[in-house]
Amino acid sequence: MGISARGLGKVIGVPPARILSDISLEIARGEFVALTGRSGSGKSTLLHILGSLDTASEGSVLVGGRDLASMAPEEICRFRNREMGFVFQFHYLLDELDAIGNVLMPARKAKESGKRRDYALSLLRRFGLGEVMHRLPRQLSGGEQQRVAIARSLVMEPAYLFADEPTGSLDSLNGGIVMDILKDCNRSMGTTVVLVTHDPDSAALAGRRMQLVDGKVAP
């Protein structure tokens, strides 16, 4: 099952400011969808709500048939760690851990480091990082750091991958490598990918594009 949203709205602040209004959407399992729109259109907020990192003020979200609003906080954390992966503009790697240690962080939370180590190594090699798996983040290039972050997001073999401007801090070469990896994950692993991007070339790689305008999905 994929991702389903009904009547989503988001209001923040005092006085209240509306960020999202009456958004309903369906994302099929295994689909690659790009959320596009101008800065401030609400696309990152929508991504965070779909990925359980934020809550809606109105409406409902079902991911894999599970209603996020009905889940207890600990249950959501377990579900997020096992079923969802996240990639952001900045990699958020832990400075004191080497590449393989960073990749294994979600597995460590699930107490599956040993079980997942071989898969983590295979991801690093697949992403061209086999030679640098024992280097610290400061010893890696920006593109290498982002690839480590993607490997980390995939180590639990999540059904859903949420990527928020993953190429925003990279040059065109490394940005292209990152997008190729996301496309390959969708194609070869069947991972559902939801991508927020302002880059038309990145959006063109998705199977479908949704444009947000002033907090609403454009018709």
N, C-alpha and C. Protein backbone atom coordinates (compact mmCIF):
# COMPACT_ATOMS: atom_id res chain seq x y z
N MET A 1 0.84 -1.20 0.00
CA MET A 1 0.00 0.00 0.00
C MET A 1 0.87 1.25 0.00
N GLY A 2 0.36 2.31 -0.55
CA GLY A 2 1.14 3.53 -0.70
C GLY A 2 0.83 4.56 0.37
N ILE A 3 0.78 5.81 -0.04
CA ILE A 3 0.55 6.94 0.86
C ILE A 3 -0.75 7.62 0.44
N SER A 4 -1.60 7.88 1.41
CA SER A 4 -2.88 8.51 1.13
C SER A 4 -3.10 9.66 2.10
N ALA A 5 -3.46 10.82 1.57
CA ALA A 5 -3.75 11.98 2.41
C ALA A 5 -5.13 12.52 2.06
N ARG A 6 -5.85 12.94 3.08
CA ARG A 6 -7.20 13.47 2.88
C ARG A 6 -7.37 14.77 3.67
N GLY A 7 -7.65 15.86 2.95
CA GLY A 7 -7.99 17.13 3.58
C GLY A 7 -6.92 17.69 4.49
N LEU A 8 -5.65 17.53 4.12
CA LEU A 8 -4.57 18.00 4.98
C LEU A 8 -4.51 19.52 5.04
N GLY A 9 -4.35 20.01 6.24
CA GLY A 9 -4.12 21.43 6.44
C GLY A 9 -3.07 21.62 7.52
N LYS A 10 -2.36 22.74 7.47
CA LYS A 10 -1.36 23.03 8.49
C LYS A 10 -1.39 24.52 8.80
N VAL A 11 -1.54 24.82 10.10
CA VAL A 11 -1.55 26.20 10.58
C VAL A 11 -0.51 26.32 11.68
N ILE A 12 0.30 27.38 11.64
CA ILE A 12 1.33 27.56 12.66
C ILE A 12 1.31 29.00 13.18
N GLY A 13 1.87 29.17 14.38
CA GLY A 13 2.15 30.50 14.88
C GLY A 13 0.98 31.22 15.51
N VAL A 14 1.32 32.36 16.12
CA VAL A 14 0.35 33.28 16.71
C VAL A 14 0.73 34.69 16.29
N PRO A 15 -0.12 35.39 15.54
CA PRO A 15 -1.41 34.91 15.03
C PRO A 15 -1.22 33.77 14.01
N PRO A 16 -2.22 32.92 13.85
CA PRO A 16 -2.06 31.73 13.00
C PRO A 16 -1.80 32.08 11.53
N ALA A 17 -0.86 31.35 10.96
CA ALA A 17 -0.56 31.48 9.52
C ALA A 17 -0.79 30.13 8.88
N ARG A 18 -1.55 30.10 7.80
CA ARG A 18 -1.86 28.84 7.14
C ARG A 18 -0.76 28.50 6.13
N ILE A 19 -0.23 27.28 6.27
CA ILE A 19 0.85 26.79 5.39
C ILE A 19 0.30 25.86 4.31
N LEU A 20 -0.63 24.98 4.70
CA LEU A 20 -1.24 24.03 3.76
C LEU A 20 -2.75 24.09 3.88
N SER A 21 -3.45 23.88 2.76
CA SER A 21 -4.91 23.95 2.77
C SER A 21 -5.51 22.80 1.97
N ASP A 22 -6.30 21.96 2.62
CA ASP A 22 -7.17 20.98 1.97
C ASP A 22 -6.43 20.17 0.89
N ILE A 23 -5.35 19.53 1.28
CA ILE A 23 -4.57 18.73 0.32
C ILE A 23 -4.99 17.27 0.42
N SER A 24 -5.41 16.71 -0.69
CA SER A 24 -5.72 15.29 -0.79
C SER A 24 -4.89 14.71 -1.93
N LEU A 25 -4.26 13.56 -1.68
CA LEU A 25 -3.41 12.96 -2.70
C LEU A 25 -3.26 11.47 -2.46
N GLU A 26 -2.86 10.78 -3.52
CA GLU A 26 -2.56 9.36 -3.46
C GLU A 26 -1.21 9.13 -4.13
N ILE A 27 -0.33 8.42 -3.44
CA ILE A 27 0.96 8.03 -4.00
C ILE A 27 1.02 6.51 -3.94
N ALA A 28 1.08 5.87 -5.08
CA ALA A 28 1.04 4.41 -5.13
C ALA A 28 2.35 3.81 -4.63
N ARG A 29 2.28 2.60 -4.13
CA ARG A 29 3.47 1.88 -3.70
C ARG A 29 4.41 1.73 -4.91
N GLY A 30 5.66 2.08 -4.72
CA GLY A 30 6.65 1.96 -5.78
C GLY A 30 6.71 3.14 -6.74
N GLU A 31 5.94 4.19 -6.46
CA GLU A 31 5.92 5.37 -7.33
C GLU A 31 7.05 6.33 -6.95
N PHE A 32 7.47 7.14 -7.91
CA PHE A 32 8.46 8.20 -7.69
C PHE A 32 7.77 9.52 -7.99
N VAL A 33 7.53 10.32 -6.95
CA VAL A 33 6.77 11.56 -7.09
C VAL A 33 7.65 12.74 -6.67
N ALA A 34 7.64 13.79 -7.48
CA ALA A 34 8.35 15.03 -7.14
C ALA A 34 7.35 16.08 -6.70
N LEU A 35 7.61 16.70 -5.55
CA LEU A 35 6.83 17.84 -5.08
C LEU A 35 7.60 19.11 -5.44
N THR A 36 7.01 19.94 -6.26
CA THR A 36 7.69 21.14 -6.71
C THR A 36 6.89 22.38 -6.31
N GLY A 37 7.51 23.53 -6.47
CA GLY A 37 6.85 24.79 -6.16
C GLY A 37 7.87 25.80 -5.68
N ARG A 38 7.45 27.04 -5.64
CA ARG A 38 8.33 28.11 -5.19
C ARG A 38 8.66 27.97 -3.71
N SER A 39 9.71 28.63 -3.29
CA SER A 39 10.04 28.68 -1.87
C SER A 39 8.86 29.25 -1.09
N GLY A 40 8.48 28.57 0.00
CA GLY A 40 7.34 29.01 0.79
C GLY A 40 6.01 28.45 0.35
N SER A 41 6.02 27.59 -0.66
CA SER A 41 4.76 27.04 -1.16
C SER A 41 4.21 25.93 -0.27
N GLY A 42 5.03 25.42 0.65
CA GLY A 42 4.57 24.39 1.57
C GLY A 42 5.03 22.98 1.25
N LYS A 43 5.90 22.83 0.25
CA LYS A 43 6.27 21.48 -0.17
C LYS A 43 7.07 20.71 0.89
N SER A 44 7.99 21.37 1.58
CA SER A 44 8.74 20.68 2.63
C SER A 44 7.84 20.33 3.81
N THR A 45 6.94 21.24 4.16
CA THR A 45 5.99 20.95 5.23
C THR A 45 5.13 19.74 4.89
N LEU A 46 4.68 19.66 3.65
CA LEU A 46 3.88 18.52 3.22
C LEU A 46 4.70 17.23 3.30
N LEU A 47 5.94 17.27 2.84
CA LEU A 47 6.80 16.09 2.91
C LEU A 47 6.96 15.62 4.35
N HIS A 48 7.20 16.56 5.25
CA HIS A 48 7.41 16.20 6.65
C HIS A 48 6.16 15.60 7.28
N ILE A 49 4.99 16.07 6.88
CA ILE A 49 3.75 15.49 7.40
C ILE A 49 3.55 14.09 6.84
N LEU A 50 3.78 13.91 5.55
CA LEU A 50 3.64 12.58 4.95
C LEU A 50 4.62 11.58 5.57
N GLY A 51 5.79 12.08 5.97
CA GLY A 51 6.82 11.21 6.54
C GLY A 51 6.78 11.14 8.06
N SER A 52 5.75 11.65 8.69
CA SER A 52 5.53 11.57 10.14
C SER A 52 6.49 12.42 10.95
N LEU A 53 7.24 13.32 10.31
CA LEU A 53 8.14 14.21 11.04
C LEU A 53 7.42 15.44 11.57
N ASP A 54 6.21 15.68 11.09
CA ASP A 54 5.38 16.80 11.53
C ASP A 54 3.95 16.31 11.54
N THR A 55 3.07 17.03 12.20
CA THR A 55 1.67 16.65 12.26
C THR A 55 0.80 17.70 11.57
N ALA A 56 -0.29 17.25 11.02
CA ALA A 56 -1.21 18.15 10.34
C ALA A 56 -2.15 18.78 11.35
N SER A 57 -2.64 19.97 11.01
CA SER A 57 -3.66 20.61 11.84
C SER A 57 -5.04 20.06 11.51
N GLU A 58 -5.22 19.66 10.27
CA GLU A 58 -6.48 19.03 9.84
C GLU A 58 -6.14 17.89 8.88
N GLY A 59 -7.10 16.96 8.77
CA GLY A 59 -6.97 15.89 7.80
C GLY A 59 -6.25 14.67 8.34
N SER A 60 -6.01 13.71 7.45
CA SER A 60 -5.42 12.43 7.85
C SER A 60 -4.38 11.97 6.83
N VAL A 61 -3.43 11.16 7.31
CA VAL A 61 -2.40 10.56 6.46
C VAL A 61 -2.33 9.07 6.78
N LEU A 62 -2.43 8.26 5.73
CA LEU A 62 -2.23 6.82 5.86
C LEU A 62 -0.99 6.45 5.07
N VAL A 63 -0.08 5.74 5.71
CA VAL A 63 1.15 5.25 5.06
C VAL A 63 1.15 3.73 5.20
N GLY A 64 1.12 3.05 4.08
CA GLY A 64 1.04 1.59 4.13
C GLY A 64 -0.21 1.10 4.84
N GLY A 65 -1.27 1.89 4.76
CA GLY A 65 -2.52 1.53 5.40
C GLY A 65 -2.60 1.89 6.86
N ARG A 66 -1.54 2.46 7.42
CA ARG A 66 -1.51 2.83 8.83
C ARG A 66 -1.83 4.31 8.98
N ASP A 67 -2.77 4.61 9.86
CA ASP A 67 -3.16 5.99 10.14
C ASP A 67 -2.15 6.58 11.13
N LEU A 68 -1.35 7.53 10.68
CA LEU A 68 -0.29 8.07 11.52
C LEU A 68 -0.83 8.71 12.79
N ALA A 69 -1.99 9.36 12.69
CA ALA A 69 -2.55 10.08 13.84
C ALA A 69 -3.00 9.13 14.95
N SER A 70 -3.27 7.88 14.61
CA SER A 70 -3.78 6.93 15.60
C SER A 70 -2.65 6.16 16.29
N MET A 71 -1.41 6.41 15.89
CA MET A 71 -0.28 5.66 16.43
C MET A 71 0.33 6.40 17.62
N ALA A 72 0.69 5.64 18.65
CA ALA A 72 1.36 6.21 19.81
C ALA A 72 2.76 6.66 19.41
N PRO A 73 3.35 7.64 20.13
CA PRO A 73 4.68 8.15 19.76
C PRO A 73 5.74 7.07 19.59
N GLU A 74 5.81 6.11 20.50
CA GLU A 74 6.81 5.04 20.38
C GLU A 74 6.55 4.18 19.15
N GLU A 75 5.29 3.94 18.85
CA GLU A 75 4.92 3.14 17.68
C GLU A 75 5.31 3.86 16.41
N ILE A 76 5.08 5.18 16.36
CA ILE A 76 5.47 5.96 15.19
C ILE A 76 6.98 5.92 15.01
N CYS A 77 7.74 6.03 16.10
CA CYS A 77 9.20 5.98 16.00
C CYS A 77 9.68 4.66 15.42
N ARG A 78 9.08 3.56 15.89
CA ARG A 78 9.47 2.24 15.35
C ARG A 78 9.09 2.13 13.89
N PHE A 79 7.89 2.58 13.56
CA PHE A 79 7.41 2.50 12.17
C PHE A 79 8.30 3.34 11.26
N ARG A 80 8.63 4.55 11.71
CA ARG A 80 9.48 5.44 10.93
C ARG A 80 10.87 4.84 10.71
N ASN A 81 11.44 4.25 11.75
CA ASN A 81 12.79 3.70 11.65
C ASN A 81 12.85 2.50 10.72
N ARG A 82 11.77 1.70 10.70
CA ARG A 82 11.79 0.48 9.90
C ARG A 82 11.24 0.66 8.49
N GLU A 83 10.28 1.53 8.34
CA GLU A 83 9.57 1.62 7.06
C GLU A 83 9.92 2.86 6.23
N MET A 84 10.57 3.86 6.86
CA MET A 84 10.83 5.11 6.17
C MET A 84 12.31 5.46 6.20
N GLY A 85 12.78 6.06 5.11
CA GLY A 85 14.11 6.62 5.07
C GLY A 85 14.01 8.09 4.71
N PHE A 86 14.98 8.88 5.19
CA PHE A 86 14.94 10.32 4.97
C PHE A 86 16.31 10.82 4.49
N VAL A 87 16.28 11.69 3.49
CA VAL A 87 17.49 12.36 2.99
C VAL A 87 17.16 13.85 2.91
N PHE A 88 18.05 14.67 3.49
CA PHE A 88 17.82 16.11 3.52
C PHE A 88 18.91 16.83 2.73
N GLN A 89 18.77 18.14 2.61
CA GLN A 89 19.78 18.93 1.89
C GLN A 89 21.14 18.80 2.55
N PHE A 90 21.15 18.76 3.87
CA PHE A 90 22.39 18.58 4.62
C PHE A 90 22.39 17.18 5.22
N HIS A 91 23.54 16.56 5.24
CA HIS A 91 23.63 15.12 5.50
C HIS A 91 23.39 14.73 6.95
N TYR A 92 23.69 15.61 7.91
CA TYR A 92 23.50 15.33 9.33
C TYR A 92 24.19 14.04 9.78
N LEU A 93 25.41 13.82 9.30
CA LEU A 93 26.20 12.68 9.76
C LEU A 93 26.80 13.00 11.13
N LEU A 94 27.05 11.97 11.92
CA LEU A 94 27.68 12.15 13.22
C LEU A 94 29.19 12.22 13.03
N ASP A 95 29.78 13.32 13.49
CA ASP A 95 31.20 13.58 13.24
C ASP A 95 32.12 12.52 13.81
N GLU A 96 31.71 11.90 14.92
CA GLU A 96 32.60 10.96 15.60
C GLU A 96 32.54 9.54 15.03
N LEU A 97 31.61 9.29 14.11
CA LEU A 97 31.47 7.96 13.52
C LEU A 97 31.99 7.95 12.09
N ASP A 98 32.61 6.83 11.69
CA ASP A 98 33.04 6.71 10.31
C ASP A 98 31.83 6.44 9.41
N ALA A 99 32.08 6.29 8.11
CA ALA A 99 30.98 6.15 7.15
C ALA A 99 30.10 4.95 7.49
N ILE A 100 30.71 3.79 7.72
CA ILE A 100 29.93 2.60 8.00
C ILE A 100 29.16 2.75 9.31
N GLY A 101 29.77 3.41 10.31
CA GLY A 101 29.08 3.65 11.57
C GLY A 101 27.86 4.52 11.40
N ASN A 102 27.97 5.55 10.56
CA ASN A 102 26.83 6.42 10.29
C ASN A 102 25.72 5.67 9.57
N VAL A 103 26.10 4.85 8.60
CA VAL A 103 25.10 4.10 7.85
C VAL A 103 24.31 3.18 8.77
N LEU A 104 24.98 2.62 9.75
CA LEU A 104 24.36 1.63 10.64
C LEU A 104 23.54 2.25 11.78
N MET A 105 23.47 3.58 11.86
CA MET A 105 22.76 4.21 12.97
C MET A 105 21.30 3.74 13.09
N PRO A 106 20.50 3.72 12.01
CA PRO A 106 19.12 3.23 12.16
C PRO A 106 19.07 1.78 12.63
N ALA A 107 20.02 0.96 12.16
CA ALA A 107 20.06 -0.44 12.58
C ALA A 107 20.42 -0.55 14.06
N ARG A 108 21.29 0.35 14.52
CA ARG A 108 21.65 0.34 15.93
C ARG A 108 20.42 0.65 16.79
N LYS A 109 19.60 1.61 16.35
CA LYS A 109 18.37 1.93 17.09
C LYS A 109 17.45 0.72 17.18
N ALA A 110 17.42 -0.08 16.12
CA ALA A 110 16.56 -1.27 16.09
C ALA A 110 17.26 -2.50 16.65
N LYS A 111 18.49 -2.31 17.17
CA LYS A 111 19.29 -3.41 17.71
C LYS A 111 19.54 -4.49 16.66
N GLU A 112 19.86 -4.03 15.43
CA GLU A 112 20.11 -4.96 14.33
C GLU A 112 21.42 -4.64 13.62
N SER A 113 22.38 -4.03 14.33
CA SER A 113 23.64 -3.65 13.69
C SER A 113 24.34 -4.84 13.07
N GLY A 114 24.43 -5.93 13.80
CA GLY A 114 25.11 -7.12 13.27
C GLY A 114 24.39 -7.69 12.06
N LYS A 115 23.09 -7.75 12.15
CA LYS A 115 22.27 -8.30 11.06
C LYS A 115 22.37 -7.46 9.80
N ARG A 116 22.51 -6.16 9.96
CA ARG A 116 22.47 -5.25 8.82
C ARG A 116 23.85 -4.86 8.29
N ARG A 117 24.93 -5.28 8.95
CA ARG A 117 26.26 -4.80 8.57
C ARG A 117 26.63 -5.18 7.13
N ASP A 118 26.39 -6.41 6.74
CA ASP A 118 26.74 -6.82 5.37
C ASP A 118 25.96 -6.00 4.34
N TYR A 119 24.69 -5.73 4.63
CA TYR A 119 23.90 -4.93 3.71
C TYR A 119 24.41 -3.50 3.66
N ALA A 120 24.79 -2.96 4.81
CA ALA A 120 25.36 -1.60 4.85
C ALA A 120 26.62 -1.53 4.01
N LEU A 121 27.48 -2.53 4.12
CA LEU A 121 28.70 -2.57 3.31
C LEU A 121 28.37 -2.64 1.83
N SER A 122 27.35 -3.43 1.48
CA SER A 122 26.98 -3.55 0.06
C SER A 122 26.44 -2.23 -0.48
N LEU A 123 25.71 -1.46 0.35
CA LEU A 123 25.23 -0.15 -0.08
C LEU A 123 26.39 0.81 -0.33
N LEU A 124 27.36 0.83 0.58
CA LEU A 124 28.50 1.71 0.41
C LEU A 124 29.26 1.37 -0.86
N ARG A 125 29.44 0.11 -1.11
CA ARG A 125 30.16 -0.29 -2.34
C ARG A 125 29.33 0.07 -3.57
N ARG A 126 28.04 -0.14 -3.49
CA ARG A 126 27.15 0.18 -4.62
C ARG A 126 27.19 1.66 -4.96
N PHE A 127 27.37 2.50 -3.94
CA PHE A 127 27.40 3.93 -4.15
C PHE A 127 28.81 4.48 -4.33
N GLY A 128 29.78 3.58 -4.59
CA GLY A 128 31.14 4.01 -4.86
C GLY A 128 31.91 4.47 -3.65
N LEU A 129 31.55 3.94 -2.47
CA LEU A 129 32.16 4.39 -1.23
C LEU A 129 32.93 3.28 -0.51
N GLY A 130 33.16 2.18 -1.21
CA GLY A 130 33.85 1.06 -0.58
C GLY A 130 35.23 1.41 -0.06
N GLU A 131 35.91 2.32 -0.74
CA GLU A 131 37.28 2.68 -0.35
C GLU A 131 37.32 3.66 0.83
N VAL A 132 36.20 4.26 1.16
CA VAL A 132 36.20 5.31 2.19
C VAL A 132 35.29 4.96 3.37
N MET A 133 34.90 3.71 3.51
CA MET A 133 33.91 3.35 4.52
C MET A 133 34.39 3.58 5.95
N HIS A 134 35.70 3.66 6.15
CA HIS A 134 36.22 3.87 7.51
C HIS A 134 36.70 5.31 7.73
N ARG A 135 36.37 6.21 6.81
CA ARG A 135 36.72 7.61 6.99
C ARG A 135 35.63 8.35 7.76
N LEU A 136 36.05 9.37 8.51
CA LEU A 136 35.10 10.22 9.21
C LEU A 136 34.48 11.21 8.23
N PRO A 137 33.32 11.77 8.56
CA PRO A 137 32.67 12.71 7.65
C PRO A 137 33.58 13.85 7.18
N ARG A 138 34.41 14.39 8.08
CA ARG A 138 35.28 15.50 7.68
C ARG A 138 36.33 15.10 6.66
N GLN A 139 36.52 13.80 6.49
CA GLN A 139 37.49 13.29 5.51
C GLN A 139 36.84 12.96 4.18
N LEU A 140 35.56 13.24 4.06
CA LEU A 140 34.81 12.95 2.84
C LEU A 140 34.42 14.24 2.13
N SER A 141 34.24 14.14 0.82
CA SER A 141 33.73 15.28 0.06
C SER A 141 32.24 15.45 0.33
N GLY A 142 31.69 16.59 -0.09
CA GLY A 142 30.26 16.82 0.10
C GLY A 142 29.41 15.77 -0.59
N GLY A 143 29.80 15.40 -1.79
CA GLY A 143 29.05 14.37 -2.52
C GLY A 143 29.13 13.02 -1.83
N GLU A 144 30.30 12.68 -1.30
CA GLU A 144 30.47 11.42 -0.58
C GLU A 144 29.63 11.41 0.69
N GLN A 145 29.61 12.54 1.39
CA GLN A 145 28.81 12.63 2.61
C GLN A 145 27.33 12.41 2.32
N GLN A 146 26.86 12.99 1.24
CA GLN A 146 25.44 12.82 0.91
C GLN A 146 25.14 11.39 0.49
N ARG A 147 26.06 10.73 -0.18
CA ARG A 147 25.85 9.32 -0.53
C ARG A 147 25.83 8.44 0.72
N VAL A 148 26.67 8.77 1.70
CA VAL A 148 26.61 8.06 2.97
C VAL A 148 25.24 8.25 3.61
N ALA A 149 24.73 9.47 3.56
CA ALA A 149 23.42 9.75 4.13
C ALA A 149 22.33 8.95 3.43
N ILE A 150 22.43 8.79 2.12
CA ILE A 150 21.44 7.99 1.40
C ILE A 150 21.55 6.53 1.80
N ALA A 151 22.79 6.03 1.91
CA ALA A 151 22.97 4.64 2.35
C ALA A 151 22.36 4.44 3.74
N ARG A 152 22.55 5.42 4.62
CA ARG A 152 21.95 5.35 5.96
C ARG A 152 20.42 5.27 5.86
N SER A 153 19.84 6.03 4.96
CA SER A 153 18.39 6.05 4.82
C SER A 153 17.84 4.74 4.29
N LEU A 154 18.70 3.95 3.66
CA LEU A 154 18.25 2.71 3.02
C LEU A 154 18.63 1.45 3.78
N VAL A 155 19.41 1.57 4.85
CA VAL A 155 19.97 0.38 5.49
C VAL A 155 18.90 -0.53 6.08
N MET A 156 17.76 0.02 6.47
CA MET A 156 16.67 -0.79 7.00
C MET A 156 15.74 -1.28 5.90
N GLU A 157 16.13 -1.05 4.64
CA GLU A 157 15.32 -1.44 3.47
C GLU A 157 13.89 -0.89 3.59
N PRO A 158 13.77 0.43 3.73
CA PRO A 158 12.44 1.03 3.93
C PRO A 158 11.59 0.95 2.67
N ALA A 159 10.30 0.92 2.89
CA ALA A 159 9.37 0.93 1.76
C ALA A 159 9.22 2.33 1.18
N TYR A 160 9.49 3.36 2.03
CA TYR A 160 9.25 4.74 1.62
C TYR A 160 10.50 5.58 1.88
N LEU A 161 10.89 6.35 0.88
CA LEU A 161 12.04 7.24 1.01
C LEU A 161 11.58 8.67 0.75
N PHE A 162 11.83 9.56 1.71
CA PHE A 162 11.46 10.96 1.61
C PHE A 162 12.73 11.79 1.47
N ALA A 163 12.83 12.54 0.40
CA ALA A 163 14.04 13.31 0.10
C ALA A 163 13.68 14.79 -0.05
N ASP A 164 14.27 15.62 0.82
CA ASP A 164 13.96 17.05 0.84
C ASP A 164 15.16 17.83 0.31
N GLU A 165 15.08 18.26 -0.94
CA GLU A 165 16.16 19.00 -1.61
C GLU A 165 17.52 18.30 -1.43
N PRO A 166 17.62 17.02 -1.77
CA PRO A 166 18.85 16.27 -1.48
C PRO A 166 20.06 16.73 -2.28
N THR A 167 19.84 17.48 -3.35
CA THR A 167 20.96 17.97 -4.17
C THR A 167 21.21 19.45 -3.95
N GLY A 168 20.49 20.07 -3.02
CA GLY A 168 20.55 21.52 -2.87
C GLY A 168 21.90 22.08 -2.50
N SER A 169 22.74 21.29 -1.80
CA SER A 169 24.05 21.78 -1.39
C SER A 169 25.19 21.19 -2.23
N LEU A 170 24.83 20.54 -3.35
CA LEU A 170 25.84 19.85 -4.16
C LEU A 170 26.03 20.54 -5.50
N ASP A 171 27.21 20.33 -6.10
CA ASP A 171 27.43 20.81 -7.46
C ASP A 171 26.67 19.91 -8.44
N SER A 172 26.66 20.29 -9.70
CA SER A 172 25.83 19.58 -10.68
C SER A 172 26.26 18.13 -10.86
N LEU A 173 27.56 17.86 -10.79
CA LEU A 173 28.05 16.49 -10.97
C LEU A 173 27.56 15.60 -9.83
N ASN A 174 27.80 16.02 -8.59
CA ASN A 174 27.38 15.21 -7.46
C ASN A 174 25.86 15.18 -7.31
N GLY A 175 25.22 16.27 -7.68
CA GLY A 175 23.76 16.26 -7.68
C GLY A 175 23.20 15.23 -8.63
N GLY A 176 23.82 15.11 -9.80
CA GLY A 176 23.40 14.10 -10.77
C GLY A 176 23.61 12.69 -10.25
N ILE A 177 24.72 12.46 -9.54
CA ILE A 177 24.99 11.14 -8.96
C ILE A 177 23.92 10.78 -7.93
N VAL A 178 23.58 11.75 -7.08
CA VAL A 178 22.56 11.51 -6.05
C VAL A 178 21.21 11.19 -6.70
N MET A 179 20.83 11.93 -7.71
CA MET A 179 19.55 11.67 -8.36
C MET A 179 19.55 10.31 -9.06
N ASP A 180 20.67 9.92 -9.63
CA ASP A 180 20.77 8.59 -10.26
C ASP A 180 20.56 7.50 -9.21
N ILE A 181 21.11 7.71 -8.02
CA ILE A 181 20.95 6.73 -6.94
C ILE A 181 19.48 6.62 -6.53
N LEU A 182 18.82 7.77 -6.36
CA LEU A 182 17.41 7.74 -5.99
C LEU A 182 16.56 7.06 -7.06
N LYS A 183 16.85 7.36 -8.30
CA LYS A 183 16.11 6.72 -9.40
C LYS A 183 16.34 5.22 -9.42
N ASP A 184 17.58 4.81 -9.17
CA ASP A 184 17.90 3.38 -9.16
C ASP A 184 17.21 2.68 -8.00
N CYS A 185 17.17 3.33 -6.83
CA CYS A 185 16.48 2.74 -5.68
C CYS A 185 15.01 2.51 -5.99
N ASN A 186 14.41 3.46 -6.65
CA ASN A 186 13.01 3.33 -7.02
C ASN A 186 12.81 2.20 -8.04
N ARG A 187 13.69 2.14 -9.02
CA ARG A 187 13.52 1.18 -10.10
C ARG A 187 13.90 -0.24 -9.68
N SER A 188 15.05 -0.40 -9.05
CA SER A 188 15.55 -1.74 -8.78
C SER A 188 15.10 -2.31 -7.44
N MET A 189 14.78 -1.43 -6.48
CA MET A 189 14.39 -1.89 -5.16
C MET A 189 12.90 -1.71 -4.89
N GLY A 190 12.21 -1.01 -5.77
CA GLY A 190 10.78 -0.80 -5.59
C GLY A 190 10.43 0.18 -4.50
N THR A 191 11.42 1.00 -4.09
CA THR A 191 11.19 1.96 -3.01
C THR A 191 10.30 3.10 -3.50
N THR A 192 9.29 3.43 -2.72
CA THR A 192 8.46 4.60 -3.01
C THR A 192 9.27 5.84 -2.66
N VAL A 193 9.44 6.74 -3.61
CA VAL A 193 10.26 7.93 -3.39
C VAL A 193 9.39 9.18 -3.51
N VAL A 194 9.44 10.02 -2.49
CA VAL A 194 8.79 11.33 -2.53
C VAL A 194 9.89 12.37 -2.42
N LEU A 195 10.05 13.17 -3.45
CA LEU A 195 11.16 14.10 -3.58
C LEU A 195 10.66 15.54 -3.60
N VAL A 196 11.19 16.37 -2.72
CA VAL A 196 10.97 17.82 -2.80
C VAL A 196 12.15 18.43 -3.53
N THR A 197 11.88 19.19 -4.58
CA THR A 197 12.96 19.82 -5.33
C THR A 197 12.46 21.08 -6.03
N HIS A 198 13.38 22.03 -6.20
CA HIS A 198 13.08 23.21 -7.00
C HIS A 198 13.76 23.10 -8.36
N ASP A 199 14.52 22.01 -8.57
CA ASP A 199 15.31 21.82 -9.78
C ASP A 199 14.48 21.09 -10.84
N PRO A 200 14.20 21.72 -11.97
CA PRO A 200 13.39 21.07 -13.01
C PRO A 200 13.99 19.78 -13.53
N ASP A 201 15.33 19.70 -13.63
CA ASP A 201 15.98 18.48 -14.12
C ASP A 201 15.76 17.32 -13.16
N SER A 202 15.85 17.60 -11.86
CA SER A 202 15.60 16.56 -10.87
C SER A 202 14.14 16.12 -10.90
N ALA A 203 13.25 17.08 -10.97
CA ALA A 203 11.82 16.76 -11.01
C ALA A 203 11.47 15.92 -12.23
N ALA A 204 12.18 16.15 -13.34
CA ALA A 204 11.89 15.43 -14.58
C ALA A 204 12.20 13.94 -14.47
N LEU A 205 13.04 13.56 -13.50
CA LEU A 205 13.39 12.15 -13.32
C LEU A 205 12.29 11.37 -12.61
N ALA A 206 11.36 12.08 -11.98
CA ALA A 206 10.26 11.42 -11.27
C ALA A 206 9.22 10.93 -12.26
N GLY A 207 8.46 9.95 -11.83
CA GLY A 207 7.39 9.46 -12.69
C GLY A 207 6.20 10.40 -12.74
N ARG A 208 6.05 11.20 -11.67
CA ARG A 208 4.92 12.13 -11.61
C ARG A 208 5.34 13.36 -10.80
N ARG A 209 4.78 14.49 -11.18
CA ARG A 209 5.11 15.74 -10.51
C ARG A 209 3.84 16.36 -9.93
N MET A 210 3.94 16.82 -8.67
CA MET A 210 2.86 17.59 -8.05
C MET A 210 3.41 18.97 -7.74
N GLN A 211 2.74 19.99 -8.19
CA GLN A 211 3.18 21.35 -7.93
C GLN A 211 2.32 21.98 -6.85
N LEU A 212 2.98 22.57 -5.85
CA LEU A 212 2.27 23.29 -4.81
C LEU A 212 2.33 24.78 -5.07
N VAL A 213 1.19 25.41 -4.93
CA VAL A 213 1.08 26.86 -5.08
C VAL A 213 0.31 27.40 -3.88
N ASP A 214 0.96 28.22 -3.08
CA ASP A 214 0.33 28.83 -1.91
C ASP A 214 -0.36 27.79 -1.02
N GLY A 215 0.35 26.68 -0.78
CA GLY A 215 -0.15 25.68 0.15
C GLY A 215 -1.19 24.73 -0.40
N LYS A 216 -1.43 24.77 -1.70
CA LYS A 216 -2.40 23.88 -2.32
C LYS A 216 -1.76 23.17 -3.51
N VAL A 217 -2.26 21.96 -3.82
CA VAL A 217 -1.78 21.26 -4.99
C VAL A 217 -2.44 21.87 -6.23
N ALA A 218 -1.60 22.30 -7.18
CA ALA A 218 -2.13 22.92 -8.40
C ALA A 218 -2.87 21.88 -9.23
N PRO A 219 -3.95 22.26 -9.87
CA PRO A 219 -4.72 21.30 -10.69
C PRO A 219 -3.94 20.89 -11.93
